[in-house]
Protein backbone atom coordinates (compact mmCIF):
# COMPACT_ATOMS: atom_id res chain seq x y z
CA MET A 1 0.00 0.00 0.00
CA ASN A 2 2.90 2.31 0.75
CA LYS A 3 4.22 1.77 -2.73
CA VAL A 4 0.94 2.81 -4.25
CA ARG A 5 0.86 6.02 -2.12
CA PHE A 6 4.46 6.74 -3.03
CA ILE A 7 3.77 6.33 -6.77
CA THR A 8 0.64 8.45 -6.57
CA ILE A 9 2.46 11.25 -4.74
CA LEU A 10 5.29 11.04 -7.27
CA PHE A 11 2.88 11.48 -10.20
CA ILE A 12 1.19 14.43 -8.52
CA LEU A 13 4.50 16.17 -7.89
CA LEU A 14 5.67 15.54 -11.46
CA GLY A 15 2.41 16.95 -12.80
CA ILE A 16 2.72 20.13 -10.70
CA PHE A 17 6.32 20.75 -11.70
CA SER A 18 5.64 20.12 -15.38
CA CYS A 19 2.69 22.59 -15.37
CA LYS A 20 4.82 25.28 -13.79
CA ARG A 21 7.51 24.68 -16.36
CA LYS A 22 5.07 24.98 -19.31
CA THR A 23 3.63 28.22 -18.04
CA GLN A 24 7.18 29.60 -17.80
CA ILE A 25 7.90 28.57 -21.39
CA LEU A 26 4.66 30.18 -22.59
CA LYS A 27 5.48 33.44 -20.77
CA ASP A 28 8.85 33.66 -22.48
CA LYS A 29 7.38 33.44 -26.04
CA PRO A 30 6.19 36.63 -27.79
CA PRO A 31 2.49 36.87 -28.85
CA VAL A 32 1.54 35.49 -32.30
CA THR A 33 0.62 38.00 -35.00
CA VAL A 34 -2.62 37.30 -36.85
CA ASP A 35 -3.76 38.67 -40.22
CA VAL A 36 -7.46 39.53 -40.32
CA ILE A 37 -9.55 40.03 -43.48
CA ILE A 38 -13.03 41.46 -43.18
CA ALA A 39 -15.51 39.70 -45.47
CA GLU A 40 -17.52 41.91 -47.77
CA LYS A 41 -20.15 41.38 -50.46
CA VAL A 42 -18.81 41.49 -54.06
CA ASN A 43 -20.30 40.57 -57.48
CA PHE A 44 -18.96 37.30 -58.86
CA PRO A 45 -19.44 36.36 -62.55
CA SER A 46 -21.88 33.50 -63.09
CA SER A 47 -20.15 32.22 -66.23
CA ILE A 48 -16.63 30.99 -66.68
CA GLU A 49 -14.75 30.60 -69.94
CA VAL A 50 -12.60 27.52 -70.25
CA ASN A 51 -10.90 25.61 -73.05
CA GLY A 52 -12.40 22.23 -73.94
CA VAL A 53 -14.50 20.16 -76.26
CA SER A 54 -18.25 19.77 -76.15
CA LEU A 55 -19.60 16.37 -77.23
CA SER A 56 -23.02 16.11 -78.79
CA GLU A 57 -25.81 13.96 -77.41
CA GLU A 58 -26.15 12.34 -80.85
CA MET A 59 -24.14 12.63 -84.03
CA ILE A 60 -24.75 11.19 -87.49
CA GLU A 61 -22.77 11.23 -90.71
CA LEU A 62 -24.79 12.38 -93.69
CA HIS A 63 -24.52 10.02 -96.68
CA PRO A 64 -26.77 9.82 -99.75
CA GLU A 65 -28.71 6.56 -100.29
CA ILE A 66 -27.99 6.44 -104.02
CA SER A 67 -25.25 7.55 -106.40
CA GLY A 68 -25.59 10.65 -108.57
CA ARG A 69 -24.70 14.28 -109.13
CA LEU A 70 -25.60 16.78 -106.39
CA THR A 71 -28.06 19.34 -107.77
CA TYR A 72 -28.77 20.98 -104.40
CA LEU A 73 -26.60 21.30 -101.30
CA ASN A 74 -27.60 23.22 -98.18
CA LEU A 75 -24.92 22.35 -95.58
CA PRO A 76 -23.58 25.64 -94.20
CA ASP A 77 -20.86 24.88 -91.61
CA GLY A 78 -22.21 25.25 -88.05
CA ALA A 79 -25.78 26.12 -89.11
CA THR A 80 -28.74 25.00 -87.01
CA VAL A 81 -31.34 22.94 -88.90
CA LYS A 82 -34.79 21.58 -88.08
CA GLU A 83 -35.84 17.94 -88.39
CA GLY A 84 -36.92 17.10 -91.94
CA ALA A 85 -35.06 20.03 -93.56
CA ILE A 86 -33.69 19.17 -97.01
CA LEU A 87 -29.89 19.23 -96.85
CA ALA A 88 -28.95 17.78 -100.22
CA LYS A 89 -30.62 16.52 -103.41
CA ILE A 90 -29.28 14.25 -106.10
CA ASN A 91 -30.29 14.58 -109.76
CA ASP A 92 -33.54 12.66 -110.20
CA ALA A 93 -34.53 13.79 -113.72
CA ASP A 94 -34.55 10.25 -115.14
CA LEU A 95 -36.68 8.97 -112.24
CA GLN A 96 -39.12 11.89 -112.64
CA ALA A 97 -39.41 11.10 -116.37
CA GLN A 98 -40.11 7.44 -115.60
CA LEU A 99 -42.74 8.50 -113.04
CA GLU A 100 -44.51 10.68 -115.61
CA GLN A 101 -44.44 7.80 -118.08
CA GLN A 102 -46.01 5.47 -115.52
CA LYS A 103 -48.69 8.06 -114.71
CA VAL A 104 -49.68 8.30 -118.37
CA GLN A 105 -49.77 4.50 -118.65
CA LEU A 106 -51.86 4.36 -115.43
CA ASP A 107 -54.40 6.80 -116.89
CA LEU A 108 -54.76 4.67 -120.01
CA ALA A 109 -54.94 1.43 -117.99
CA ASN A 110 -57.65 2.93 -115.73
CA LYS A 111 -59.74 3.91 -118.78
CA THR A 112 -59.33 0.47 -120.27
CA GLU A 113 -60.24 -1.22 -116.97
CA ASN A 114 -63.38 0.98 -116.60
CA ARG A 115 -64.54 0.20 -120.16
CA LEU A 116 -64.01 -3.53 -119.67
CA LYS A 117 -65.82 -3.35 -116.32
CA GLU A 118 -68.89 -1.87 -118.01
CA LEU A 119 -68.72 -4.48 -120.75
CA LEU A 120 -68.33 -7.28 -118.22
CA VAL A 121 -71.62 -6.29 -116.56
CA VAL A 122 -73.49 -6.83 -119.88
CA ASN A 123 -71.39 -9.89 -120.80
CA GLY A 124 -69.70 -7.97 -123.65
CA VAL A 125 -66.24 -9.23 -122.60
CA ASN A 126 -64.97 -12.31 -120.81
CA GLN A 127 -63.69 -12.23 -117.20
CA SER A 128 -60.05 -12.96 -118.14
CA ASP A 129 -59.81 -9.82 -120.31
CA TYR A 130 -61.13 -7.72 -117.42
CA ASP A 131 -58.75 -9.43 -114.96
CA ALA A 132 -55.79 -8.71 -117.25
CA ALA A 133 -56.75 -5.00 -117.40
CA LEU A 134 -57.14 -4.85 -113.60
CA SER A 135 -53.76 -6.55 -113.19
CA GLN A 136 -52.22 -3.96 -115.52
CA VAL A 137 -53.59 -1.14 -113.29
CA ASN A 138 -52.21 -2.78 -110.16
CA THR A 139 -48.80 -3.34 -111.76
CA ILE A 140 -48.52 0.29 -112.83
CA ASN A 141 -49.56 1.46 -109.34
CA SER A 142 -46.80 -0.71 -107.88
CA ASN A 143 -44.26 0.72 -110.37
CA ILE A 144 -45.28 4.23 -109.32
CA LYS A 145 -44.71 3.35 -105.65
CA VAL A 146 -41.24 1.98 -106.48
CA LEU A 147 -40.35 5.13 -108.41
CA ASN A 148 -41.58 7.38 -105.57
CA ALA A 149 -39.41 5.41 -103.13
CA GLN A 150 -36.40 5.82 -105.44
CA ILE A 151 -37.09 9.55 -105.77
CA ASP A 152 -37.27 9.84 -101.96
CA LYS A 153 -33.79 8.31 -101.78
CA THR A 154 -32.40 11.20 -103.85
CA VAL A 155 -33.14 13.61 -100.96
CA VAL A 156 -30.95 13.85 -97.85
CA ARG A 157 -32.93 15.26 -94.88
CA ALA A 158 -32.08 16.21 -91.32
CA HIS A 159 -33.06 13.29 -89.10
CA PHE A 160 -33.42 15.54 -86.02
CA ASN A 161 -33.01 19.17 -84.91
CA GLY A 162 -29.31 19.91 -84.61
CA LYS A 163 -26.20 21.68 -85.72
CA LEU A 164 -24.32 20.90 -88.91
CA GLY A 165 -20.62 20.09 -88.82
CA LEU A 166 -18.13 20.70 -91.61
CA ARG A 167 -19.33 20.27 -95.22
CA MET A 168 -17.21 17.68 -97.08
CA VAL A 169 -18.49 18.10 -100.68
CA SER A 170 -19.45 20.87 -103.06
CA PRO A 171 -22.55 21.32 -105.25
CA GLY A 172 -22.19 19.48 -108.54
CA ALA A 173 -20.03 16.71 -107.10
CA TYR A 174 -20.72 13.09 -108.02
CA VAL A 175 -21.52 11.20 -104.82
CA THR A 176 -22.05 7.58 -103.84
CA PRO A 177 -23.53 6.07 -100.67
CA GLN A 178 -19.96 5.95 -99.27
CA THR A 179 -19.47 9.70 -99.76
CA LEU A 180 -19.58 11.70 -96.51
CA LEU A 181 -21.52 14.92 -97.12
CA GLY A 182 -21.11 16.28 -93.56
CA THR A 183 -22.24 15.64 -90.01
CA LEU A 184 -25.28 16.57 -87.91
CA HIS A 185 -25.04 16.94 -84.14
CA ARG A 186 -27.81 17.04 -81.56
CA PHE A 187 -26.98 19.00 -78.41
CA ASN A 188 -29.04 18.94 -75.21
CA TYR A 189 -28.79 22.45 -73.80
CA SER A 190 -31.31 21.98 -70.95
C-alpha cells in the first residue's frame, strides 16, 4: 500500500512541476501575430470561360442513299437545322421522267379497266380480259410506288433538330452512298 501512495504522490508532484515549467515557457514566447480580413459582399461572374471540347448527345454522318450528281446542297458549316429540312438533293430527272411515263400509262390502264368493267356487266367481254386489265392497273400502281421510293432516296434530310458540322463536298459533285456529305449533331442544352 505504501508503494501505491508513493507512486501516486510522485505522479502528482511531477504533474505540478511540469505545469509550472510549461507556463514559464509560454510566458517567455512573444504573442503570435494574426492577419485579419473582413468579409464583404462582391459581385462574382456566373459564367466561366474555359478551353475544352463539347460532345453532342447524338451525331450522325450524312450520306446519300444512291449515287448521282448533287443538284442541291444546303450544308452551311455550323448552321442549325430543323428535323426534316432538305440538306442535299441528287439529280432525279430520269426517275421523274419514268414516273410521268407510268402516270400516263396508269391513266390509259384505268380507262381500259373501266370500259371492260362496263362491258363485263352486260357480258360484252370475258372475265379474263377484265382481270388482265385490272392486273395492268395494279402493276402500274406498284411501279409508281417503287419510283416514288427511289425519288425519296435522292433527298438527304435532317433526321433531327441539330447543328451541322463541316461540309465535305461541293454542289455538282458526283456522290455515292460511301461519300460523306457532312455531319449533324444534336446537343441537349437543358
